[in-house]
All heavy atoms as atom14 arrays in JSON, in Angstrom:
{
  "sequence": "ALDAVRTGDCPNLTTRQKHYRECFVVAEDGADTDAIEQAI",
  "atom14_mask": [
    [1, 1, 1, 1, 1, 0, 0, 0, 0, 0, 0, 0, 0, 0],
    [1, 1, 1, 1, 1, 1, 1, 1, 0, 0, 0, 0, 0, 0],
    [1, 1, 1, 1, 1, 1, 1, 1, 0, 0, 0, 0, 0, 0],
    [1, 1, 1, 1, 1, 0, 0, 0, 0, 0, 0, 0, 0, 0],
    [1, 1, 1, 1, 1, 1, 1, 0, 0, 0, 0, 0, 0, 0],
    [1, 1, 1, 1, 1, 1, 1, 1, 1, 1, 1, 0, 0, 0],
    [1, 1, 1, 1, 1, 1, 1, 0, 0, 0, 0, 0, 0, 0],
    [1, 1, 1, 1, 0, 0, 0, 0, 0, 0, 0, 0, 0, 0],
    [1, 1, 1, 1, 1, 1, 1, 1, 0, 0, 0, 0, 0, 0],
    [1, 1, 1, 1, 1, 1, 0, 0, 0, 0, 0, 0, 0, 0],
    [1, 1, 1, 1, 1, 1, 1, 0, 0, 0, 0, 0, 0, 0],
    [1, 1, 1, 1, 1, 1, 1, 1, 0, 0, 0, 0, 0, 0],
    [1, 1, 1, 1, 1, 1, 1, 1, 0, 0, 0, 0, 0, 0],
    [1, 1, 1, 1, 1, 1, 1, 0, 0, 0, 0, 0, 0, 0],
    [1, 1, 1, 1, 1, 1, 1, 0, 0, 0, 0, 0, 0, 0],
    [1, 1, 1, 1, 1, 1, 1, 1, 1, 1, 1, 0, 0, 0],
    [1, 1, 1, 1, 1, 1, 1, 1, 1, 0, 0, 0, 0, 0],
    [1, 1, 1, 1, 1, 1, 1, 1, 1, 0, 0, 0, 0, 0],
    [1, 1, 1, 1, 1, 1, 1, 1, 1, 1, 0, 0, 0, 0],
    [1, 1, 1, 1, 1, 1, 1, 1, 1, 1, 1, 1, 0, 0],
    [1, 1, 1, 1, 1, 1, 1, 1, 1, 1, 1, 0, 0, 0],
    [1, 1, 1, 1, 1, 1, 1, 1, 1, 0, 0, 0, 0, 0],
    [1, 1, 1, 1, 1, 1, 0, 0, 0, 0, 0, 0, 0, 0],
    [1, 1, 1, 1, 1, 1, 1, 1, 1, 1, 1, 0, 0, 0],
    [1, 1, 1, 1, 1, 1, 1, 0, 0, 0, 0, 0, 0, 0],
    [1, 1, 1, 1, 1, 1, 1, 0, 0, 0, 0, 0, 0, 0],
    [1, 1, 1, 1, 1, 0, 0, 0, 0, 0, 0, 0, 0, 0],
    [1, 1, 1, 1, 1, 1, 1, 1, 1, 0, 0, 0, 0, 0],
    [1, 1, 1, 1, 1, 1, 1, 1, 0, 0, 0, 0, 0, 0],
    [1, 1, 1, 1, 0, 0, 0, 0, 0, 0, 0, 0, 0, 0],
    [1, 1, 1, 1, 1, 0, 0, 0, 0, 0, 0, 0, 0, 0],
    [1, 1, 1, 1, 1, 1, 1, 1, 0, 0, 0, 0, 0, 0],
    [1, 1, 1, 1, 1, 1, 1, 0, 0, 0, 0, 0, 0, 0],
    [1, 1, 1, 1, 1, 1, 1, 1, 0, 0, 0, 0, 0, 0],
    [1, 1, 1, 1, 1, 0, 0, 0, 0, 0, 0, 0, 0, 0],
    [1, 1, 1, 1, 1, 1, 1, 1, 0, 0, 0, 0, 0, 0],
    [1, 1, 1, 1, 1, 1, 1, 1, 1, 0, 0, 0, 0, 0],
    [1, 1, 1, 1, 1, 1, 1, 1, 1, 0, 0, 0, 0, 0],
    [1, 1, 1, 1, 1, 0, 0, 0, 0, 0, 0, 0, 0, 0],
    [1, 1, 1, 1, 1, 1, 1, 1, 0, 0, 0, 0, 0, 0]
  ],
  "atom14_positions": [
    [[9.18, 34.29, 5.37], [10.46, 34.49, 6.05], [11.52, 34.99, 5.07], [12.31, 35.88, 5.39], [10.9, 33.18, 6.7], [0.0, 0.0, 0.0], [0.0, 0.0, 0.0], [0.0, 0.0, 0.0], [0.0, 0.0, 0.0], [0.0, 0.0, 0.0], [0.0, 0.0, 0.0], [0.0, 0.0, 0.0], [0.0, 0.0, 0.0], [0.0, 0.0, 0.0]],
    [[11.54, 34.4, 3.87], [12.45, 34.89, 2.85], [12.2, 36.35, 2.51], [13.13, 37.16, 2.41], [12.3, 34.04, 1.58], [12.99, 32.69, 1.52], [12.5, 31.89, 0.31], [14.49, 32.85, 1.44], [0.0, 0.0, 0.0], [0.0, 0.0, 0.0], [0.0, 0.0, 0.0], [0.0, 0.0, 0.0], [0.0, 0.0, 0.0], [0.0, 0.0, 0.0]],
    [[10.93, 36.7, 2.36], [10.58, 38.08, 2.03], [11.01, 39.03, 3.15], [11.48, 40.15, 2.87], [9.07, 38.2, 1.8], [8.61, 37.48, 0.54], [9.47, 37.2, -0.33], [7.41, 37.18, 0.43], [0.0, 0.0, 0.0], [0.0, 0.0, 0.0], [0.0, 0.0, 0.0], [0.0, 0.0, 0.0], [0.0, 0.0, 0.0], [0.0, 0.0, 0.0]],
    [[10.87, 38.61, 4.39], [11.24, 39.46, 5.52], [12.74, 39.75, 5.53], [13.17, 40.87, 5.83], [10.82, 38.81, 6.83], [0.0, 0.0, 0.0], [0.0, 0.0, 0.0], [0.0, 0.0, 0.0], [0.0, 0.0, 0.0], [0.0, 0.0, 0.0], [0.0, 0.0, 0.0], [0.0, 0.0, 0.0], [0.0, 0.0, 0.0], [0.0, 0.0, 0.0]],
    [[13.54, 38.76, 5.17], [14.99, 38.96, 5.14], [15.39, 39.88, 4.0], [16.27, 40.74, 4.14], [15.71, 37.6, 5.01], [17.2, 37.8, 4.75], [15.51, 36.77, 6.28], [0.0, 0.0, 0.0], [0.0, 0.0, 0.0], [0.0, 0.0, 0.0], [0.0, 0.0, 0.0], [0.0, 0.0, 0.0], [0.0, 0.0, 0.0], [0.0, 0.0, 0.0]],
    [[14.72, 39.73, 2.86], [15.09, 40.54, 1.68], [14.78, 42.02, 1.86], [15.26, 42.85, 1.1], [14.4, 39.99, 0.44], [15.0, 38.67, -0.06], [14.53, 38.34, -1.47], [15.28, 37.23, -2.02], [14.78, 36.01, -2.22], [13.52, 35.74, -1.88], [15.52, 35.06, -2.74], [0.0, 0.0, 0.0], [0.0, 0.0, 0.0], [0.0, 0.0, 0.0]],
    [[13.99, 42.38, 2.85], [13.72, 43.8, 3.11], [14.94, 44.5, 3.69], [15.03, 45.73, 3.65], [12.56, 43.97, 4.09], [12.93, 43.45, 5.38], [11.3, 43.29, 3.6], [0.0, 0.0, 0.0], [0.0, 0.0, 0.0], [0.0, 0.0, 0.0], [0.0, 0.0, 0.0], [0.0, 0.0, 0.0], [0.0, 0.0, 0.0], [0.0, 0.0, 0.0]],
    [[15.87, 43.71, 4.27], [17.05, 44.31, 4.87], [16.83, 44.81, 6.29], [17.69, 45.51, 6.84], [0.0, 0.0, 0.0], [0.0, 0.0, 0.0], [0.0, 0.0, 0.0], [0.0, 0.0, 0.0], [0.0, 0.0, 0.0], [0.0, 0.0, 0.0], [0.0, 0.0, 0.0], [0.0, 0.0, 0.0], [0.0, 0.0, 0.0], [0.0, 0.0, 0.0]],
    [[15.73, 44.42, 6.9], [15.42, 44.9, 8.25], [15.94, 43.99, 9.35], [15.64, 44.21, 10.53], [13.91, 45.08, 8.41], [13.37, 46.22, 7.55], [14.16, 47.16, 7.29], [12.2, 46.16, 7.13], [0.0, 0.0, 0.0], [0.0, 0.0, 0.0], [0.0, 0.0, 0.0], [0.0, 0.0, 0.0], [0.0, 0.0, 0.0], [0.0, 0.0, 0.0]],
    [[16.66, 42.94, 8.99], [17.25, 42.01, 9.96], [16.22, 41.46, 10.95], [16.32, 41.65, 12.16], [18.39, 42.69, 10.73], [19.81, 43.13, 9.71], [0.0, 0.0, 0.0], [0.0, 0.0, 0.0], [0.0, 0.0, 0.0], [0.0, 0.0, 0.0], [0.0, 0.0, 0.0], [0.0, 0.0, 0.0], [0.0, 0.0, 0.0], [0.0, 0.0, 0.0]],
    [[15.2, 40.76, 10.44], [14.19, 40.21, 11.36], [14.78, 39.15, 12.27], [15.74, 38.46, 11.92], [13.16, 39.59, 10.4], [13.94, 39.26, 9.17], [14.96, 40.36, 9.04], [0.0, 0.0, 0.0], [0.0, 0.0, 0.0], [0.0, 0.0, 0.0], [0.0, 0.0, 0.0], [0.0, 0.0, 0.0], [0.0, 0.0, 0.0], [0.0, 0.0, 0.0]],
    [[14.2, 39.01, 13.43], [14.61, 37.99, 14.39], [13.75, 36.76, 14.18], [12.61, 36.71, 14.64], [14.48, 38.52, 15.82], [14.97, 37.52, 16.85], [15.71, 36.6, 16.51], [14.56, 37.69, 18.09], [0.0, 0.0, 0.0], [0.0, 0.0, 0.0], [0.0, 0.0, 0.0], [0.0, 0.0, 0.0], [0.0, 0.0, 0.0], [0.0, 0.0, 0.0]],
    [[14.29, 35.76, 13.46], [13.52, 34.58, 13.09], [14.04, 33.35, 13.82], [15.24, 33.1, 13.86], [13.62, 34.33, 11.58], [13.09, 35.43, 10.65], [13.45, 35.12, 9.21], [11.58, 35.56, 10.8], [0.0, 0.0, 0.0], [0.0, 0.0, 0.0], [0.0, 0.0, 0.0], [0.0, 0.0, 0.0], [0.0, 0.0, 0.0], [0.0, 0.0, 0.0]],
    [[13.14, 32.58, 14.39], [13.52, 31.32, 15.01], [13.67, 30.25, 13.93], [13.23, 30.42, 12.79], [12.46, 30.86, 16.02], [11.25, 30.55, 15.31], [12.18, 31.95, 17.05], [0.0, 0.0, 0.0], [0.0, 0.0, 0.0], [0.0, 0.0, 0.0], [0.0, 0.0, 0.0], [0.0, 0.0, 0.0], [0.0, 0.0, 0.0], [0.0, 0.0, 0.0]],
    [[14.29, 29.15, 14.3], [14.43, 28.03, 13.38], [13.08, 27.59, 12.86], [12.89, 27.33, 11.66], [15.13, 26.85, 14.1], [16.45, 27.26, 14.47], [15.19, 25.62, 13.21], [0.0, 0.0, 0.0], [0.0, 0.0, 0.0], [0.0, 0.0, 0.0], [0.0, 0.0, 0.0], [0.0, 0.0, 0.0], [0.0, 0.0, 0.0], [0.0, 0.0, 0.0]],
    [[12.1, 27.52, 13.74], [10.77, 27.05, 13.36], [10.06, 28.04, 12.43], [9.2, 27.65, 11.64], [9.93, 26.83, 14.62], [8.68, 25.99, 14.41], [7.99, 25.72, 15.74], [8.82, 24.94, 16.64], [8.89, 23.61, 16.64], [8.15, 22.92, 15.8], [9.66, 22.99, 17.51], [0.0, 0.0, 0.0], [0.0, 0.0, 0.0], [0.0, 0.0, 0.0]],
    [[10.43, 29.31, 12.51], [9.79, 30.31, 11.65], [10.38, 30.34, 10.25], [9.77, 30.88, 9.34], [9.93, 31.7, 12.29], [9.06, 31.9, 13.52], [9.38, 33.22, 14.21], [10.52, 33.64, 14.3], [8.33, 33.88, 14.71], [0.0, 0.0, 0.0], [0.0, 0.0, 0.0], [0.0, 0.0, 0.0], [0.0, 0.0, 0.0], [0.0, 0.0, 0.0]],
    [[11.57, 29.78, 10.07], [12.22, 29.86, 8.77], [11.87, 28.69, 7.85], [11.75, 28.87, 6.64], [13.75, 29.91, 8.95], [14.23, 31.21, 9.58], [15.71, 31.43, 9.36], [16.57, 30.35, 9.97], [18.02, 30.6, 9.75], [0.0, 0.0, 0.0], [0.0, 0.0, 0.0], [0.0, 0.0, 0.0], [0.0, 0.0, 0.0], [0.0, 0.0, 0.0]],
    [[11.74, 27.49, 8.39], [11.53, 26.3, 7.56], [10.49, 25.38, 8.18], [10.26, 25.4, 9.39], [12.81, 25.46, 7.43], [13.99, 26.16, 6.86], [14.9, 26.84, 7.62], [14.41, 26.26, 5.57], [15.84, 27.34, 6.84], [15.57, 27.01, 5.6], [0.0, 0.0, 0.0], [0.0, 0.0, 0.0], [0.0, 0.0, 0.0], [0.0, 0.0, 0.0]],
    [[9.94, 24.53, 7.34], [9.25, 23.35, 7.84], [9.75, 22.14, 7.05], [10.38, 22.28, 6.01], [7.73, 23.49, 7.75], [7.14, 23.53, 6.35], [6.57, 22.39, 5.77], [7.11, 24.72, 5.61], [6.0, 22.44, 4.51], [6.55, 24.77, 4.35], [5.99, 23.63, 3.81], [5.43, 23.67, 2.54], [0.0, 0.0, 0.0], [0.0, 0.0, 0.0]],
    [[9.51, 20.96, 7.59], [10.0, 19.73, 6.96], [8.81, 18.82, 6.64], [7.93, 18.63, 7.47], [11.0, 19.03, 7.88], [12.23, 19.9, 8.17], [13.34, 19.12, 8.83], [14.51, 19.94, 9.14], [15.47, 20.23, 8.28], [15.41, 19.79, 7.05], [16.5, 20.98, 8.66], [0.0, 0.0, 0.0], [0.0, 0.0, 0.0], [0.0, 0.0, 0.0]],
    [[8.84, 18.28, 5.45], [7.76, 17.4, 4.99], [8.35, 16.05, 4.61], [9.27, 15.98, 3.79], [7.02, 18.04, 3.8], [5.74, 17.32, 3.43], [4.86, 18.14, 2.5], [5.34, 19.14, 1.93], [3.68, 17.76, 2.33], [0.0, 0.0, 0.0], [0.0, 0.0, 0.0], [0.0, 0.0, 0.0], [0.0, 0.0, 0.0], [0.0, 0.0, 0.0]],
    [[7.83, 15.0, 5.22], [8.4, 13.66, 5.09], [7.4, 12.72, 4.41], [6.22, 12.69, 4.78], [8.77, 13.09, 6.46], [9.68, 14.23, 7.52], [0.0, 0.0, 0.0], [0.0, 0.0, 0.0], [0.0, 0.0, 0.0], [0.0, 0.0, 0.0], [0.0, 0.0, 0.0], [0.0, 0.0, 0.0], [0.0, 0.0, 0.0], [0.0, 0.0, 0.0]],
    [[7.88, 11.96, 3.46], [7.08, 10.95, 2.79], [7.71, 9.6, 3.1], [8.84, 9.32, 2.7], [7.03, 11.22, 1.29], [6.31, 12.49, 0.95], [6.99, 13.71, 0.95], [4.95, 12.49, 0.67], [6.33, 14.9, 0.66], [4.27, 13.67, 0.39], [4.97, 14.88, 0.38], [0.0, 0.0, 0.0], [0.0, 0.0, 0.0], [0.0, 0.0, 0.0]],
    [[6.97, 8.77, 3.83], [7.54, 7.58, 4.45], [6.8, 6.33, 3.98], [5.56, 6.29, 3.97], [7.47, 7.66, 5.98], [8.05, 6.41, 6.63], [8.18, 8.92, 6.49], [0.0, 0.0, 0.0], [0.0, 0.0, 0.0], [0.0, 0.0, 0.0], [0.0, 0.0, 0.0], [0.0, 0.0, 0.0], [0.0, 0.0, 0.0], [0.0, 0.0, 0.0]],
    [[7.57, 5.31, 3.6], [7.02, 3.99, 3.33], [7.35, 3.12, 4.54], [8.53, 2.88, 4.85], [7.63, 3.37, 2.06], [7.04, 1.99, 1.81], [7.4, 4.28, 0.86], [0.0, 0.0, 0.0], [0.0, 0.0, 0.0], [0.0, 0.0, 0.0], [0.0, 0.0, 0.0], [0.0, 0.0, 0.0], [0.0, 0.0, 0.0], [0.0, 0.0, 0.0]],
    [[6.32, 2.66, 5.23], [6.53, 1.84, 6.43], [6.59, 0.36, 6.07], [6.01, -0.09, 5.07], [5.4, 2.09, 7.43], [0.0, 0.0, 0.0], [0.0, 0.0, 0.0], [0.0, 0.0, 0.0], [0.0, 0.0, 0.0], [0.0, 0.0, 0.0], [0.0, 0.0, 0.0], [0.0, 0.0, 0.0], [0.0, 0.0, 0.0], [0.0, 0.0, 0.0]],
    [[7.32, -0.38, 6.89], [7.32, -1.83, 6.74], [5.92, -2.37, 7.05], [5.16, -1.76, 7.81], [8.33, -2.46, 7.7], [9.78, -2.05, 7.48], [10.42, -2.79, 6.32], [9.71, -3.57, 5.67], [11.62, -2.57, 6.09], [0.0, 0.0, 0.0], [0.0, 0.0, 0.0], [0.0, 0.0, 0.0], [0.0, 0.0, 0.0], [0.0, 0.0, 0.0]],
    [[5.59, -3.5, 6.46], [4.29, -4.12, 6.73], [4.14, -4.38, 8.23], [5.03, -4.97, 8.86], [4.16, -5.45, 5.97], [4.05, -5.24, 4.47], [3.72, -4.12, 4.04], [4.31, -6.22, 3.72], [0.0, 0.0, 0.0], [0.0, 0.0, 0.0], [0.0, 0.0, 0.0], [0.0, 0.0, 0.0], [0.0, 0.0, 0.0], [0.0, 0.0, 0.0]],
    [[3.04, -3.92, 8.79], [2.76, -4.16, 10.2], [3.44, -3.2, 11.15], [3.28, -3.31, 12.38], [0.0, 0.0, 0.0], [0.0, 0.0, 0.0], [0.0, 0.0, 0.0], [0.0, 0.0, 0.0], [0.0, 0.0, 0.0], [0.0, 0.0, 0.0], [0.0, 0.0, 0.0], [0.0, 0.0, 0.0], [0.0, 0.0, 0.0], [0.0, 0.0, 0.0]],
    [[4.21, -2.25, 10.64], [4.93, -1.31, 11.51], [3.96, -0.35, 12.19], [2.89, -0.03, 11.66], [5.97, -0.54, 10.72], [0.0, 0.0, 0.0], [0.0, 0.0, 0.0], [0.0, 0.0, 0.0], [0.0, 0.0, 0.0], [0.0, 0.0, 0.0], [0.0, 0.0, 0.0], [0.0, 0.0, 0.0], [0.0, 0.0, 0.0], [0.0, 0.0, 0.0]],
    [[4.33, 0.12, 13.37], [3.53, 1.08, 14.13], [3.81, 2.48, 13.58], [4.82, 3.11, 13.9], [3.93, 0.99, 15.61], [3.06, 1.88, 16.5], [2.41, 2.8, 15.98], [3.07, 1.66, 17.73], [0.0, 0.0, 0.0], [0.0, 0.0, 0.0], [0.0, 0.0, 0.0], [0.0, 0.0, 0.0], [0.0, 0.0, 0.0], [0.0, 0.0, 0.0]],
    [[2.9, 2.98, 12.74], [3.13, 4.28, 12.1], [3.1, 5.42, 13.1], [3.8, 6.43, 12.91], [2.1, 4.52, 10.98], [0.77, 4.4, 11.52], [2.29, 3.52, 9.85], [0.0, 0.0, 0.0], [0.0, 0.0, 0.0], [0.0, 0.0, 0.0], [0.0, 0.0, 0.0], [0.0, 0.0, 0.0], [0.0, 0.0, 0.0], [0.0, 0.0, 0.0]],
    [[2.32, 5.3, 14.16], [2.31, 6.36, 15.18], [3.68, 6.46, 15.85], [4.19, 7.56, 16.1], [1.24, 6.07, 16.24], [-0.17, 6.27, 15.71], [-0.33, 7.0, 14.7], [-1.11, 5.7, 16.28], [0.0, 0.0, 0.0], [0.0, 0.0, 0.0], [0.0, 0.0, 0.0], [0.0, 0.0, 0.0], [0.0, 0.0, 0.0], [0.0, 0.0, 0.0]],
    [[4.29, 5.32, 16.13], [5.61, 5.32, 16.76], [6.67, 5.87, 15.8], [7.58, 6.61, 16.21], [5.98, 3.9, 17.19], [0.0, 0.0, 0.0], [0.0, 0.0, 0.0], [0.0, 0.0, 0.0], [0.0, 0.0, 0.0], [0.0, 0.0, 0.0], [0.0, 0.0, 0.0], [0.0, 0.0, 0.0], [0.0, 0.0, 0.0], [0.0, 0.0, 0.0]],
    [[6.54, 5.53, 14.52], [7.49, 6.06, 13.53], [7.37, 7.58, 13.45], [8.38, 8.3, 13.46], [7.22, 5.42, 12.15], [7.59, 3.94, 12.17], [7.99, 6.17, 11.06], [7.2, 3.2, 10.9], [0.0, 0.0, 0.0], [0.0, 0.0, 0.0], [0.0, 0.0, 0.0], [0.0, 0.0, 0.0], [0.0, 0.0, 0.0], [0.0, 0.0, 0.0]],
    [[6.15, 8.07, 13.37], [5.95, 9.52, 13.27], [6.51, 10.23, 14.5], [7.18, 11.27, 14.39], [4.47, 9.85, 13.11], [4.2, 11.35, 13.0], [2.75, 11.66, 12.64], [1.95, 10.71, 12.49], [2.43, 12.85, 12.5], [0.0, 0.0, 0.0], [0.0, 0.0, 0.0], [0.0, 0.0, 0.0], [0.0, 0.0, 0.0], [0.0, 0.0, 0.0]],
    [[6.27, 9.68, 15.68], [6.79, 10.29, 16.91], [8.31, 10.28, 16.93], [8.95, 11.27, 17.35], [6.24, 9.54, 18.12], [6.59, 10.15, 19.46], [5.97, 11.53, 19.67], [5.06, 11.93, 18.96], [6.49, 12.28, 20.64], [0.0, 0.0, 0.0], [0.0, 0.0, 0.0], [0.0, 0.0, 0.0], [0.0, 0.0, 0.0], [0.0, 0.0, 0.0]],
    [[8.93, 9.2, 16.45], [10.39, 9.13, 16.42], [10.96, 10.18, 15.47], [12.03, 10.75, 15.73], [10.82, 7.73, 15.99], [0.0, 0.0, 0.0], [0.0, 0.0, 0.0], [0.0, 0.0, 0.0], [0.0, 0.0, 0.0], [0.0, 0.0, 0.0], [0.0, 0.0, 0.0], [0.0, 0.0, 0.0], [0.0, 0.0, 0.0], [0.0, 0.0, 0.0]],
    [[10.25, 10.44, 14.38], [10.73, 11.43, 13.41], [10.6, 12.84, 13.97], [11.58, 13.6, 14.0], [9.95, 11.31, 12.09], [10.26, 9.98, 11.4], [10.28, 12.49, 11.16], [9.37, 9.68, 10.21], [0.0, 0.0, 0.0], [0.0, 0.0, 0.0], [0.0, 0.0, 0.0], [0.0, 0.0, 0.0], [0.0, 0.0, 0.0], [0.0, 0.0, 0.0]]
  ]
}
């Protein structure tokens, strides 16, 4: 996505096409990790 912008061609990029998010989570003991992931 960065490379496409630097060409100067004004690409039409959605939010999802520009970035992704990576999360590193420490859960409380006994917490429902599936529910935490869904909430995030």
